[in-house]
Amino acid sequence: MLYRIAADALVAFHFGFICFVILGGLLAIRWNWVILFHLPAVIWGMLIEFCGWICPLTPWENQLRATAGQSGYEGGFIEHYLLAVMYPEGLTRNVQIAIGVFVLVVNVSVYVWLIKKRFETIE
């Protein structure tokens, strides 16, 4: 039971991290110090997508589930939890690259806006 709870908590953390990667730049609008954590998270998230890697949290979750007597899953977190709903055929390399581009565009847009806002304040 404890391993199942740990696996579920890890899924919640993993999902929160993905949300932070995609939208964390918006927090930097209010709190500048968030940038110190957000930029490395964005780089990590884009590396996972562009390089086709599996996040280390996925095998860890599978190991916890196996220890709890549950079955794990093949592929990555996004494919198993998110794309299974959005893209029933599964994760393709093109979809993975599109996710990476989406993360890049959202975050570049937020940071460009942030930089413009800072320069307007200085002038």
N, C-alpha and C. Protein backbone atom coordinates (compact mmCIF):
# COMPACT_ATOMS: atom_id res chain seq x y z
N MET A 1 0.83 -1.21 0.00
CA MET A 1 0.00 0.00 0.00
C MET A 1 0.87 1.26 0.00
N LEU A 2 1.93 1.24 0.80
CA LEU A 2 2.80 2.41 0.90
C LEU A 2 3.50 2.69 -0.43
N TYR A 3 3.91 1.63 -1.14
CA TYR A 3 4.57 1.81 -2.44
C TYR A 3 3.60 2.37 -3.48
N ARG A 4 2.36 1.94 -3.41
CA ARG A 4 1.35 2.47 -4.34
C ARG A 4 1.12 3.95 -4.08
N ILE A 5 1.03 4.33 -2.83
CA ILE A 5 0.85 5.75 -2.47
C ILE A 5 2.06 6.56 -2.94
N ALA A 6 3.26 6.00 -2.77
CA ALA A 6 4.47 6.68 -3.21
C ALA A 6 4.47 6.84 -4.73
N ALA A 7 4.04 5.80 -5.46
CA ALA A 7 3.97 5.89 -6.92
C ALA A 7 2.95 6.95 -7.35
N ASP A 8 1.80 6.99 -6.68
CA ASP A 8 0.79 8.00 -7.01
C ASP A 8 1.29 9.41 -6.69
N ALA A 9 2.00 9.56 -5.59
CA ALA A 9 2.57 10.86 -5.23
C ALA A 9 3.61 11.28 -6.27
N LEU A 10 4.39 10.31 -6.74
CA LEU A 10 5.39 10.61 -7.76
C LEU A 10 4.73 11.06 -9.06
N VAL A 11 3.60 10.44 -9.41
CA VAL A 11 2.85 10.87 -10.60
C VAL A 11 2.37 12.31 -10.42
N ALA A 12 1.85 12.63 -9.25
CA ALA A 12 1.39 14.00 -8.99
C ALA A 12 2.55 14.99 -9.09
N PHE A 13 3.70 14.62 -8.52
CA PHE A 13 4.88 15.48 -8.61
C PHE A 13 5.32 15.65 -10.07
N HIS A 14 5.33 14.56 -10.80
CA HIS A 14 5.74 14.56 -12.20
C HIS A 14 4.83 15.49 -13.02
N PHE A 15 3.54 15.37 -12.79
CA PHE A 15 2.58 16.23 -13.48
C PHE A 15 2.79 17.69 -13.11
N GLY A 16 3.03 17.95 -11.82
CA GLY A 16 3.30 19.32 -11.38
C GLY A 16 4.56 19.89 -12.02
N PHE A 17 5.58 19.04 -12.14
CA PHE A 17 6.82 19.48 -12.78
C PHE A 17 6.58 19.83 -14.24
N ILE A 18 5.80 19.02 -14.95
CA ILE A 18 5.48 19.30 -16.35
C ILE A 18 4.73 20.63 -16.46
N CYS A 19 3.77 20.84 -15.58
CA CYS A 19 3.04 22.12 -15.59
C CYS A 19 3.99 23.28 -15.32
N PHE A 20 4.93 23.09 -14.39
CA PHE A 20 5.91 24.13 -14.09
C PHE A 20 6.79 24.42 -15.29
N VAL A 21 7.20 23.37 -16.01
CA VAL A 21 8.03 23.56 -17.21
C VAL A 21 7.28 24.39 -18.24
N ILE A 22 6.01 24.08 -18.44
CA ILE A 22 5.23 24.75 -19.48
C ILE A 22 4.83 26.16 -19.05
N LEU A 23 4.37 26.32 -17.84
CA LEU A 23 3.76 27.59 -17.42
C LEU A 23 4.51 28.33 -16.31
N GLY A 24 5.63 27.77 -15.86
CA GLY A 24 6.35 28.39 -14.74
C GLY A 24 6.86 29.79 -15.02
N GLY A 25 7.08 30.10 -16.29
CA GLY A 25 7.51 31.45 -16.63
C GLY A 25 6.50 32.50 -16.20
N LEU A 26 5.25 32.11 -16.17
CA LEU A 26 4.21 33.04 -15.72
C LEU A 26 4.40 33.41 -14.25
N LEU A 27 4.92 32.47 -13.46
CA LEU A 27 5.21 32.77 -12.05
C LEU A 27 6.33 33.80 -11.93
N ALA A 28 7.24 33.78 -12.90
CA ALA A 28 8.36 34.73 -12.88
C ALA A 28 7.90 36.16 -13.10
N ILE A 29 6.73 36.33 -13.66
CA ILE A 29 6.17 37.67 -13.83
C ILE A 29 5.94 38.30 -12.46
N ARG A 30 5.52 37.49 -11.52
CA ARG A 30 5.25 37.98 -10.16
C ARG A 30 6.47 37.88 -9.26
N TRP A 31 7.20 36.74 -9.34
CA TRP A 31 8.34 36.49 -8.47
C TRP A 31 9.58 36.21 -9.32
N ASN A 32 10.50 37.17 -9.37
CA ASN A 32 11.70 37.04 -10.21
C ASN A 32 12.55 35.83 -9.85
N TRP A 33 12.61 35.45 -8.57
CA TRP A 33 13.47 34.35 -8.14
C TRP A 33 13.06 33.01 -8.76
N VAL A 34 11.84 32.90 -9.25
CA VAL A 34 11.37 31.65 -9.88
C VAL A 34 12.21 31.32 -11.11
N ILE A 35 12.75 32.34 -11.76
CA ILE A 35 13.57 32.14 -12.96
C ILE A 35 14.73 31.19 -12.67
N LEU A 36 15.30 31.28 -11.47
CA LEU A 36 16.44 30.43 -11.11
C LEU A 36 16.09 28.94 -11.14
N PHE A 37 14.85 28.61 -10.89
CA PHE A 37 14.40 27.22 -10.91
C PHE A 37 13.74 26.86 -12.24
N HIS A 38 13.08 27.85 -12.83
CA HIS A 38 12.31 27.57 -14.03
C HIS A 38 13.19 27.31 -15.25
N LEU A 39 14.18 28.14 -15.49
CA LEU A 39 15.02 27.95 -16.68
C LEU A 39 15.69 26.58 -16.73
N PRO A 40 16.30 26.09 -15.63
CA PRO A 40 16.85 24.73 -15.69
C PRO A 40 15.77 23.67 -15.93
N ALA A 41 14.58 23.87 -15.36
CA ALA A 41 13.49 22.93 -15.58
C ALA A 41 13.06 22.91 -17.05
N VAL A 42 13.00 24.09 -17.67
CA VAL A 42 12.63 24.18 -19.09
C VAL A 42 13.68 23.48 -19.94
N ILE A 43 14.94 23.73 -19.64
CA ILE A 43 16.01 23.08 -20.41
C ILE A 43 15.90 21.56 -20.28
N TRP A 44 15.69 21.07 -19.07
CA TRP A 44 15.53 19.63 -18.85
C TRP A 44 14.33 19.09 -19.63
N GLY A 45 13.20 19.76 -19.54
CA GLY A 45 11.99 19.31 -20.23
C GLY A 45 12.17 19.27 -21.74
N MET A 46 12.82 20.29 -22.28
CA MET A 46 13.05 20.30 -23.73
C MET A 46 14.06 19.23 -24.14
N LEU A 47 15.08 18.99 -23.32
CA LEU A 47 16.03 17.92 -23.63
C LEU A 47 15.33 16.56 -23.67
N ILE A 48 14.46 16.33 -22.71
CA ILE A 48 13.71 15.07 -22.67
C ILE A 48 12.92 14.90 -23.97
N GLU A 49 12.25 15.95 -24.41
CA GLU A 49 11.42 15.86 -25.60
C GLU A 49 12.24 15.81 -26.89
N PHE A 50 13.19 16.71 -27.03
CA PHE A 50 13.95 16.79 -28.28
C PHE A 50 14.89 15.59 -28.46
N CYS A 51 15.41 15.04 -27.37
CA CYS A 51 16.34 13.91 -27.48
C CYS A 51 15.63 12.57 -27.42
N GLY A 52 14.32 12.57 -27.12
CA GLY A 52 13.57 11.33 -27.07
C GLY A 52 13.88 10.49 -25.84
N TRP A 53 14.34 11.14 -24.77
CA TRP A 53 14.69 10.43 -23.54
C TRP A 53 13.42 10.10 -22.74
N ILE A 54 13.56 9.23 -21.80
CA ILE A 54 12.52 8.94 -20.81
C ILE A 54 12.95 9.62 -19.51
N CYS A 55 12.07 10.37 -18.92
CA CYS A 55 12.39 11.04 -17.65
C CYS A 55 12.69 9.98 -16.59
N PRO A 56 13.70 10.18 -15.76
CA PRO A 56 14.04 9.19 -14.72
C PRO A 56 12.92 8.93 -13.73
N LEU A 57 11.97 9.84 -13.63
CA LEU A 57 10.85 9.61 -12.72
C LEU A 57 9.95 8.47 -13.19
N THR A 58 9.91 8.23 -14.50
CA THR A 58 9.05 7.18 -15.05
C THR A 58 9.49 5.79 -14.61
N PRO A 59 10.77 5.41 -14.80
CA PRO A 59 11.19 4.09 -14.30
C PRO A 59 11.05 3.96 -12.78
N TRP A 60 11.26 5.08 -12.08
CA TRP A 60 11.12 5.05 -10.62
C TRP A 60 9.66 4.74 -10.26
N GLU A 61 8.73 5.39 -10.94
CA GLU A 61 7.31 5.10 -10.69
C GLU A 61 7.00 3.64 -11.00
N ASN A 62 7.50 3.15 -12.14
CA ASN A 62 7.27 1.74 -12.50
C ASN A 62 7.83 0.79 -11.45
N GLN A 63 8.99 1.12 -10.92
CA GLN A 63 9.59 0.28 -9.89
C GLN A 63 8.73 0.27 -8.62
N LEU A 64 8.24 1.44 -8.24
CA LEU A 64 7.36 1.51 -7.07
C LEU A 64 6.08 0.71 -7.30
N ARG A 65 5.52 0.83 -8.50
CA ARG A 65 4.30 0.08 -8.81
C ARG A 65 4.55 -1.43 -8.79
N ALA A 66 5.69 -1.85 -9.34
CA ALA A 66 6.03 -3.29 -9.34
C ALA A 66 6.20 -3.79 -7.91
N THR A 67 6.85 -3.00 -7.06
CA THR A 67 7.02 -3.36 -5.66
C THR A 67 5.68 -3.45 -4.95
N ALA A 68 4.74 -2.62 -5.38
CA ALA A 68 3.39 -2.63 -4.79
C ALA A 68 2.52 -3.74 -5.36
N GLY A 69 3.06 -4.50 -6.33
CA GLY A 69 2.28 -5.58 -6.93
C GLY A 69 1.43 -5.13 -8.10
N GLN A 70 1.64 -3.91 -8.57
CA GLN A 70 0.91 -3.39 -9.72
C GLN A 70 1.80 -3.52 -10.95
N SER A 71 1.19 -3.38 -12.11
CA SER A 71 2.00 -3.43 -13.33
C SER A 71 2.46 -2.03 -13.70
N GLY A 72 3.66 -1.95 -14.24
CA GLY A 72 4.18 -0.68 -14.73
C GLY A 72 3.68 -0.45 -16.14
N TYR A 73 4.36 0.37 -16.89
CA TYR A 73 3.96 0.64 -18.26
C TYR A 73 5.18 0.92 -19.11
N GLU A 74 5.00 0.77 -20.40
CA GLU A 74 6.06 1.03 -21.37
C GLU A 74 6.01 2.50 -21.76
N GLY A 75 7.12 3.05 -22.21
CA GLY A 75 7.14 4.43 -22.69
C GLY A 75 7.29 5.42 -21.56
N GLY A 76 6.97 6.66 -21.85
CA GLY A 76 7.16 7.74 -20.89
C GLY A 76 5.88 8.21 -20.25
N PHE A 77 6.05 9.10 -19.30
CA PHE A 77 4.94 9.67 -18.54
C PHE A 77 3.93 10.35 -19.45
N ILE A 78 4.41 11.18 -20.36
CA ILE A 78 3.51 11.93 -21.24
C ILE A 78 2.70 10.97 -22.10
N GLU A 79 3.38 9.98 -22.65
CA GLU A 79 2.68 9.01 -23.49
C GLU A 79 1.63 8.25 -22.69
N HIS A 80 1.98 7.82 -21.50
CA HIS A 80 1.06 6.98 -20.72
C HIS A 80 -0.12 7.76 -20.15
N TYR A 81 0.14 8.91 -19.56
CA TYR A 81 -0.91 9.63 -18.86
C TYR A 81 -1.60 10.71 -19.70
N LEU A 82 -0.83 11.47 -20.44
CA LEU A 82 -1.41 12.61 -21.14
C LEU A 82 -1.78 12.30 -22.59
N LEU A 83 -0.85 11.73 -23.34
CA LEU A 83 -1.13 11.49 -24.76
C LEU A 83 -2.12 10.36 -24.98
N ALA A 84 -2.23 9.48 -24.01
CA ALA A 84 -3.23 8.41 -24.14
C ALA A 84 -4.62 9.01 -24.27
N VAL A 85 -4.83 10.15 -23.67
CA VAL A 85 -6.12 10.84 -23.76
C VAL A 85 -6.18 11.71 -25.01
N MET A 86 -5.10 12.47 -25.26
CA MET A 86 -5.10 13.42 -26.38
C MET A 86 -4.80 12.77 -27.72
N TYR A 87 -3.92 11.79 -27.72
CA TYR A 87 -3.51 11.13 -28.95
C TYR A 87 -3.56 9.62 -28.75
N PRO A 88 -4.71 9.00 -28.97
CA PRO A 88 -4.87 7.58 -28.68
C PRO A 88 -3.86 6.66 -29.37
N GLU A 89 -3.31 7.05 -30.52
CA GLU A 89 -2.35 6.19 -31.20
C GLU A 89 -1.02 6.13 -30.46
N GLY A 90 -0.77 7.04 -29.56
CA GLY A 90 0.47 7.03 -28.80
C GLY A 90 1.42 8.12 -29.24
N LEU A 91 2.55 8.09 -28.61
CA LEU A 91 3.55 9.13 -28.82
C LEU A 91 4.42 8.79 -30.03
N THR A 92 4.45 9.70 -30.99
CA THR A 92 5.35 9.55 -32.12
C THR A 92 6.49 10.55 -31.94
N ARG A 93 7.53 10.37 -32.68
CA ARG A 93 8.67 11.29 -32.59
C ARG A 93 8.25 12.71 -32.98
N ASN A 94 7.40 12.84 -33.99
CA ASN A 94 6.93 14.16 -34.41
C ASN A 94 6.12 14.84 -33.31
N VAL A 95 5.28 14.08 -32.62
CA VAL A 95 4.50 14.66 -31.52
C VAL A 95 5.43 15.08 -30.40
N GLN A 96 6.43 14.27 -30.12
CA GLN A 96 7.38 14.61 -29.07
C GLN A 96 8.12 15.90 -29.40
N ILE A 97 8.54 16.06 -30.63
CA ILE A 97 9.22 17.29 -31.06
C ILE A 97 8.25 18.47 -30.99
N ALA A 98 7.00 18.26 -31.37
CA ALA A 98 5.99 19.32 -31.29
C ALA A 98 5.79 19.77 -29.85
N ILE A 99 5.81 18.84 -28.92
CA ILE A 99 5.68 19.20 -27.49
C ILE A 99 6.87 20.06 -27.08
N GLY A 100 8.07 19.65 -27.49
CA GLY A 100 9.26 20.44 -27.17
C GLY A 100 9.19 21.84 -27.76
N VAL A 101 8.72 21.96 -28.99
CA VAL A 101 8.58 23.27 -29.64
C VAL A 101 7.53 24.10 -28.90
N PHE A 102 6.43 23.48 -28.51
CA PHE A 102 5.38 24.18 -27.76
C PHE A 102 5.95 24.76 -26.46
N VAL A 103 6.70 23.94 -25.72
CA VAL A 103 7.31 24.40 -24.47
C VAL A 103 8.27 25.56 -24.75
N LEU A 104 9.05 25.45 -25.79
CA LEU A 104 9.98 26.51 -26.17
C LEU A 104 9.25 27.80 -26.52
N VAL A 105 8.23 27.72 -27.34
CA VAL A 105 7.50 28.91 -27.79
C VAL A 105 6.80 29.60 -26.61
N VAL A 106 6.14 28.81 -25.76
CA VAL A 106 5.45 29.40 -24.61
C VAL A 106 6.44 30.13 -23.73
N ASN A 107 7.57 29.49 -23.43
CA ASN A 107 8.52 30.10 -22.50
C ASN A 107 9.29 31.25 -23.11
N VAL A 108 9.66 31.16 -24.37
CA VAL A 108 10.32 32.30 -25.01
C VAL A 108 9.37 33.49 -25.03
N SER A 109 8.10 33.26 -25.33
CA SER A 109 7.11 34.34 -25.34
C SER A 109 7.01 35.01 -23.98
N VAL A 110 6.93 34.22 -22.93
CA VAL A 110 6.82 34.78 -21.57
C VAL A 110 8.06 35.57 -21.22
N TYR A 111 9.24 35.02 -21.50
CA TYR A 111 10.47 35.71 -21.13
C TYR A 111 10.72 36.95 -21.99
N VAL A 112 10.36 36.94 -23.24
CA VAL A 112 10.48 38.14 -24.07
C VAL A 112 9.57 39.22 -23.50
N TRP A 113 8.35 38.86 -23.14
CA TRP A 113 7.43 39.81 -22.54
C TRP A 113 8.00 40.34 -21.23
N LEU A 114 8.56 39.46 -20.42
CA LEU A 114 9.15 39.86 -19.14
C LEU A 114 10.30 40.84 -19.33
N ILE A 115 11.17 40.56 -20.29
CA ILE A 115 12.32 41.43 -20.57
C ILE A 115 11.82 42.79 -21.05
N LYS A 116 10.85 42.81 -21.95
CA LYS A 116 10.29 44.09 -22.42
C LYS A 116 9.70 44.88 -21.26
N LYS A 117 8.99 44.19 -20.38
CA LYS A 117 8.38 44.86 -19.24
C LYS A 117 9.45 45.47 -18.34
N ARG A 118 10.55 44.75 -18.12
CA ARG A 118 11.64 45.27 -17.28
C ARG A 118 12.28 46.50 -17.92
N PHE A 119 12.48 46.47 -19.24
CA PHE A 119 13.08 47.63 -19.91
C PHE A 119 12.14 48.82 -19.92
N GLU A 120 10.86 48.60 -20.01
CA GLU A 120 9.90 49.71 -19.94
C GLU A 120 9.92 50.36 -18.56
N THR A 121 10.14 49.57 -17.53
CA THR A 121 10.22 50.09 -16.17
C THR A 121 11.46 50.94 -15.98
N ILE A 122 12.55 50.55 -16.63
CA ILE A 122 13.81 51.30 -16.51
C ILE A 122 13.71 52.65 -17.20
N GLU A 123 13.07 52.69 -18.34
CA GLU A 123 12.97 53.95 -19.11
C GLU A 123 12.06 54.88 -18.45
